[in-house]
Amino acid sequence: MRKPRQQMLDPANSTALVPLPAAGTELALPDSLIDQARDFGHNAHAPRTRREYAKAWAKFEAWCARHGRIAFPAGLDTIAAYITWAAAGQDQGRTLAISYLNLLIAAIKAEHKGRGIILNTEEPTFARIWTGARRSIATKRTIRRVRPISAE
């Protein structure tokens, strides 16, 4: 007879369920159900999103290593400094799109959430820095204007 077990989310990998001994009179969940839950967790994001998040996370880790910061768990001051650096053009002198910076923040938040830490990017100081960065970018980026298509 199989020993009853309990499952919980593994904070090191949000898509992995770790079997634990069952508490009290709980019965073990079927392995097929656990496998299905893992698949659902893995498919929470589209493959391209997972690839883009992985690339963005790797860039954040590299930036942290170059600047003597800890990537995980990252403090909001570290993330704010990284976003400030990225918004200023990543030392390349070119302004990045706000949508790309949104991706960077989303990737950092997703990596932390996947490891069991929720980042509060609505914290007032971080939120002000992010709002200011967006405003600064909006004033620097040129909007491409095109002539309307005529019916002639």
C-alpha atoms as a PDB file:
ATOM      1  CA  MET A   1       0.000   0.000   0.000  1.00  0.00           C
ATOM      2  CA  ARG A   2       1.275   3.438  -0.958  1.00  0.00           C
ATOM      3  CA  LYS A   3       2.004   5.795   1.906  1.00  0.00           C
ATOM      4  CA  PRO A   4      -0.369   8.807   1.913  1.00  0.00           C
ATOM      5  CA  ARG A   5       1.310  12.091   1.100  1.00  0.00           C
ATOM      6  CA  GLN A   6       0.503  15.762   0.892  1.00  0.00           C
ATOM      7  CA  GLN A   7       1.625  18.069  -1.884  1.00  0.00           C
ATOM      8  CA  MET A   8       2.686  21.680  -1.700  1.00  0.00           C
ATOM      9  CA  LEU A   9       4.151  24.165  -4.114  1.00  0.00           C
ATOM     10  CA  ASP A  10       7.915  24.158  -4.117  1.00  0.00           C
ATOM     11  CA  PRO A  11       8.982  27.830  -3.721  1.00  0.00           C
ATOM     12  CA  ALA A  12      12.175  27.197  -5.704  1.00  0.00           C
ATOM     13  CA  ASN A  13      10.137  26.294  -8.784  1.00  0.00           C
ATOM     14  CA  SER A  14       6.529  27.409  -8.956  1.00  0.00           C
ATOM     15  CA  THR A  15       5.607  24.653 -11.401  1.00  0.00           C
ATOM     16  CA  ALA A  16       6.863  21.802  -9.205  1.00  0.00           C
ATOM     17  CA  LEU A  17       4.688  20.091  -6.626  1.00  0.00           C
ATOM     18  CA  VAL A  18       6.660  18.403  -3.892  1.00  0.00           C
ATOM     19  CA  PRO A  19       5.127  15.357  -2.193  1.00  0.00           C
ATOM     20  CA  LEU A  20       5.062  15.577   1.601  1.00  0.00           C
ATOM     21  CA  PRO A  21       3.663  13.186   4.193  1.00  0.00           C
ATOM     22  CA  ALA A  22      -0.121  13.502   4.465  1.00  0.00           C
ATOM     23  CA  ALA A  23      -1.485  15.377   7.444  1.00  0.00           C
ATOM     24  CA  GLY A  24      -4.057  13.498   9.522  1.00  0.00           C
ATOM     25  CA  THR A  25      -6.508  11.564   7.406  1.00  0.00           C
ATOM     26  CA  GLU A  26      -5.679  13.119   4.028  1.00  0.00           C
ATOM     27  CA  LEU A  27      -5.227  10.729   1.156  1.00  0.00           C
ATOM     28  CA  ALA A  28      -2.462  11.051  -1.399  1.00  0.00           C
ATOM     29  CA  LEU A  29      -3.278  12.869  -4.590  1.00  0.00           C
ATOM     30  CA  PRO A  30      -2.910  10.754  -7.728  1.00  0.00           C
ATOM     31  CA  ASP A  31       0.392  11.187  -9.571  1.00  0.00           C
ATOM     32  CA  SER A  32      -1.516  11.898 -12.791  1.00  0.00           C
ATOM     33  CA  LEU A  33      -3.238  14.858 -11.121  1.00  0.00           C
ATOM     34  CA  ILE A  34       0.088  16.184  -9.846  1.00  0.00           C
ATOM     35  CA  ASP A  35       1.560  15.837 -13.345  1.00  0.00           C
ATOM     36  CA  GLN A  36      -1.411  17.692 -14.842  1.00  0.00           C
ATOM     37  CA  ALA A  37      -0.990  20.503 -12.297  1.00  0.00           C
ATOM     38  CA  ARG A  38       2.715  20.755 -13.209  1.00  0.00           C
ATOM     39  CA  ASP A  39       1.772  21.022 -16.884  1.00  0.00           C
ATOM     40  CA  PHE A  40      -0.763  23.757 -16.158  1.00  0.00           C
ATOM     41  CA  GLY A  41       1.818  25.649 -14.104  1.00  0.00           C
ATOM     42  CA  HIS A  42       4.418  25.316 -16.846  1.00  0.00           C
ATOM     43  CA  ASN A  43       1.948  26.560 -19.452  1.00  0.00           C
ATOM     44  CA  ALA A  44       0.894  29.600 -17.433  1.00  0.00           C
ATOM     45  CA  HIS A  45       2.956  31.673 -19.875  1.00  0.00           C
ATOM     46  CA  ALA A  46       3.350  31.205 -23.603  1.00  0.00           C
ATOM     47  CA  PRO A  47       6.672  29.738 -24.790  1.00  0.00           C
ATOM     48  CA  ARG A  48       7.789  33.074 -26.214  1.00  0.00           C
ATOM     49  CA  THR A  49       6.963  34.846 -22.952  1.00  0.00           C
ATOM     50  CA  ARG A  50       9.029  32.284 -21.035  1.00  0.00           C
ATOM     51  CA  ARG A  51      11.959  32.819 -23.446  1.00  0.00           C
ATOM     52  CA  GLU A  52      11.742  36.618 -23.206  1.00  0.00           C
ATOM     53  CA  TYR A  53      11.474  36.497 -19.407  1.00  0.00           C
ATOM     54  CA  ALA A  54      14.499  34.174 -19.259  1.00  0.00           C
ATOM     55  CA  LYS A  55      16.550  36.561 -21.422  1.00  0.00           C
ATOM     56  CA  ALA A  56      15.446  39.568 -19.355  1.00  0.00           C
ATOM     57  CA  TRP A  57      16.248  37.761 -16.105  1.00  0.00           C
ATOM     58  CA  ALA A  58      19.714  36.822 -17.408  1.00  0.00           C
ATOM     59  CA  LYS A  59      20.364  40.484 -18.260  1.00  0.00           C
ATOM     60  CA  PHE A  60      19.261  41.534 -14.772  1.00  0.00           C
ATOM     61  CA  GLU A  61      21.519  38.915 -13.158  1.00  0.00           C
ATOM     62  CA  ALA A  62      24.466  40.086 -15.268  1.00  0.00           C
ATOM     63  CA  TRP A  63      23.799  43.721 -14.364  1.00  0.00           C
ATOM     64  CA  CYS A  64      23.610  42.794 -10.682  1.00  0.00           C
ATOM     65  CA  ALA A  65      26.914  40.908 -10.903  1.00  0.00           C
ATOM     66  CA  ARG A  66      28.630  43.883 -12.605  1.00  0.00           C
ATOM     67  CA  HIS A  67      27.306  46.307  -9.996  1.00  0.00           C
ATOM     68  CA  GLY A  68      27.793  44.171  -6.892  1.00  0.00           C
ATOM     69  CA  ARG A  69      24.079  43.688  -6.256  1.00  0.00           C
ATOM     70  CA  ILE A  70      22.082  40.596  -5.337  1.00  0.00           C
ATOM     71  CA  ALA A  71      19.666  39.479  -8.062  1.00  0.00           C
ATOM     72  CA  PHE A  72      17.663  37.175  -5.817  1.00  0.00           C
ATOM     73  CA  PRO A  73      16.074  38.195  -3.655  1.00  0.00           C
ATOM     74  CA  ALA A  74      16.487  41.664  -5.093  1.00  0.00           C
ATOM     75  CA  GLY A  75      15.571  44.737  -3.126  1.00  0.00           C
ATOM     76  CA  LEU A  76      13.373  47.354  -4.730  1.00  0.00           C
ATOM     77  CA  ASP A  77      16.341  49.740  -4.592  1.00  0.00           C
ATOM     78  CA  THR A  78      18.318  47.347  -6.806  1.00  0.00           C
ATOM     79  CA  ILE A  79      15.424  46.961  -9.235  1.00  0.00           C
ATOM     80  CA  ALA A  80      14.848  50.725  -9.291  1.00  0.00           C
ATOM     81  CA  ALA A  81      18.542  51.307 -10.052  1.00  0.00           C
ATOM     82  CA  TYR A  82      18.435  48.694 -12.830  1.00  0.00           C
ATOM     83  CA  ILE A  83      15.318  50.217 -14.384  1.00  0.00           C
ATOM     84  CA  THR A  84      16.875  53.677 -14.105  1.00  0.00           C
ATOM     85  CA  TRP A  85      19.990  52.391 -15.883  1.00  0.00           C
ATOM     86  CA  ALA A  86      17.895  50.678 -18.563  1.00  0.00           C
ATOM     87  CA  ALA A  87      15.621  53.707 -19.040  1.00  0.00           C
ATOM     88  CA  ALA A  88      18.691  55.924 -19.447  1.00  0.00           C
ATOM     89  CA  GLY A  89      19.777  53.788 -22.393  1.00  0.00           C
ATOM     90  CA  GLN A  90      21.912  51.033 -20.815  1.00  0.00           C
ATOM     91  CA  ASP A  91      25.076  53.134 -21.215  1.00  0.00           C
ATOM     92  CA  GLN A  92      24.482  53.054 -24.988  1.00  0.00           C
ATOM     93  CA  GLY A  93      22.908  56.474 -25.304  1.00  0.00           C
ATOM     94  CA  ARG A  94      19.671  55.223 -26.820  1.00  0.00           C
ATOM     95  CA  THR A  95      16.309  55.463 -25.153  1.00  0.00           C
ATOM     96  CA  LEU A  96      14.528  52.140 -24.744  1.00  0.00           C
ATOM     97  CA  ALA A  97      10.827  51.627 -25.304  1.00  0.00           C
ATOM     98  CA  ILE A  98       8.551  51.721 -22.284  1.00  0.00           C
ATOM     99  CA  SER A  99       7.127  48.361 -23.349  1.00  0.00           C
ATOM    100  CA  TYR A 100      10.601  46.812 -23.119  1.00  0.00           C
ATOM    101  CA  LEU A 101      11.088  48.236 -19.634  1.00  0.00           C
ATOM    102  CA  ASN A 102       7.685  46.798 -18.689  1.00  0.00           C
ATOM    103  CA  LEU A 103       8.980  43.420 -19.866  1.00  0.00           C
ATOM    104  CA  LEU A 104      12.094  43.760 -17.690  1.00  0.00           C
ATOM    105  CA  ILE A 105      10.004  44.522 -14.612  1.00  0.00           C
ATOM    106  CA  ALA A 106       7.552  41.711 -15.378  1.00  0.00           C
ATOM    107  CA  ALA A 107      10.398  39.224 -15.805  1.00  0.00           C
ATOM    108  CA  ILE A 108      12.009  40.207 -12.490  1.00  0.00           C
ATOM    109  CA  LYS A 109       8.659  39.988 -10.707  1.00  0.00           C
ATOM    110  CA  ALA A 110       7.873  36.609 -12.313  1.00  0.00           C
ATOM    111  CA  GLU A 111      11.231  35.130 -11.303  1.00  0.00           C
ATOM    112  CA  HIS A 112      10.741  36.260  -7.723  1.00  0.00           C
ATOM    113  CA  LYS A 113       7.133  35.064  -7.629  1.00  0.00           C
ATOM    114  CA  GLY A 114       8.212  31.705  -9.014  1.00  0.00           C
ATOM    115  CA  ARG A 115      10.601  31.388  -6.093  1.00  0.00           C
ATOM    116  CA  GLY A 116       7.987  32.392  -3.539  1.00  0.00           C
ATOM    117  CA  ILE A 117       8.693  36.109  -3.112  1.00  0.00           C
ATOM    118  CA  ILE A 118       6.171  38.753  -4.120  1.00  0.00           C
ATOM    119  CA  LEU A 119       7.676  42.086  -5.153  1.00  0.00           C
ATOM    120  CA  ASN A 120       5.531  45.126  -4.468  1.00  0.00           C
ATOM    121  CA  THR A 121       6.311  47.444  -7.351  1.00  0.00           C
ATOM    122  CA  GLU A 122       3.455  49.650  -6.167  1.00  0.00           C
ATOM    123  CA  GLU A 123       5.634  50.724  -3.231  1.00  0.00           C
ATOM    124  CA  PRO A 124       5.570  54.546  -3.362  1.00  0.00           C
ATOM    125  CA  THR A 125       9.277  55.233  -3.956  1.00  0.00           C
ATOM    126  CA  PHE A 126       9.628  52.592  -6.672  1.00  0.00           C
ATOM    127  CA  ALA A 127       6.338  53.664  -8.263  1.00  0.00           C
ATOM    128  CA  ARG A 128       7.513  57.314  -8.398  1.00  0.00           C
ATOM    129  CA  ILE A 129      10.820  56.315 -10.003  1.00  0.00           C
ATOM    130  CA  TRP A 130       9.026  54.158 -12.584  1.00  0.00           C
ATOM    131  CA  THR A 131       6.501  56.917 -13.330  1.00  0.00           C
ATOM    132  CA  GLY A 132       9.316  59.437 -13.745  1.00  0.00           C
ATOM    133  CA  ALA A 133      11.238  57.090 -16.044  1.00  0.00           C
ATOM    134  CA  ARG A 134       8.170  56.590 -18.239  1.00  0.00           C
ATOM    135  CA  ARG A 135       7.533  60.327 -18.370  1.00  0.00           C
ATOM    136  CA  SER A 136      11.151  61.019 -19.276  1.00  0.00           C
ATOM    137  CA  ILE A 137      11.110  58.427 -22.061  1.00  0.00           C
ATOM    138  CA  ALA A 138       7.812  59.737 -23.413  1.00  0.00           C
ATOM    139  CA  THR A 139       9.294  63.220 -23.815  1.00  0.00           C
ATOM    140  CA  LYS A 140      12.459  61.924 -25.543  1.00  0.00           C
ATOM    141  CA  ARG A 141      11.069  59.364 -27.953  1.00  0.00           C
ATOM    142  CA  THR A 142       9.844  60.605 -31.261  1.00  0.00           C
ATOM    143  CA  ILE A 143       6.500  59.469 -32.526  1.00  0.00           C
ATOM    144  CA  ARG A 144       6.573  58.452 -36.155  1.00  0.00           C
ATOM    145  CA  ARG A 145       3.947  60.346 -38.076  1.00  0.00           C
ATOM    146  CA  VAL A 146       2.658  59.025 -41.347  1.00  0.00           C
ATOM    147  CA  ARG A 147       0.480  60.619 -43.953  1.00  0.00           C
ATOM    148  CA  PRO A 148      -3.078  59.234 -43.998  1.00  0.00           C
ATOM    149  CA  ILE A 149      -4.010  56.981 -46.864  1.00  0.00           C
ATOM    150  CA  SER A 150      -6.177  58.864 -49.323  1.00  0.00           C
ATOM    151  CA  ALA A 151      -9.079  57.364 -51.231  1.00  0.00           C
ATOM    152  CA  GLU A 152      -7.789  58.745 -54.524  1.00  0.00           C
END
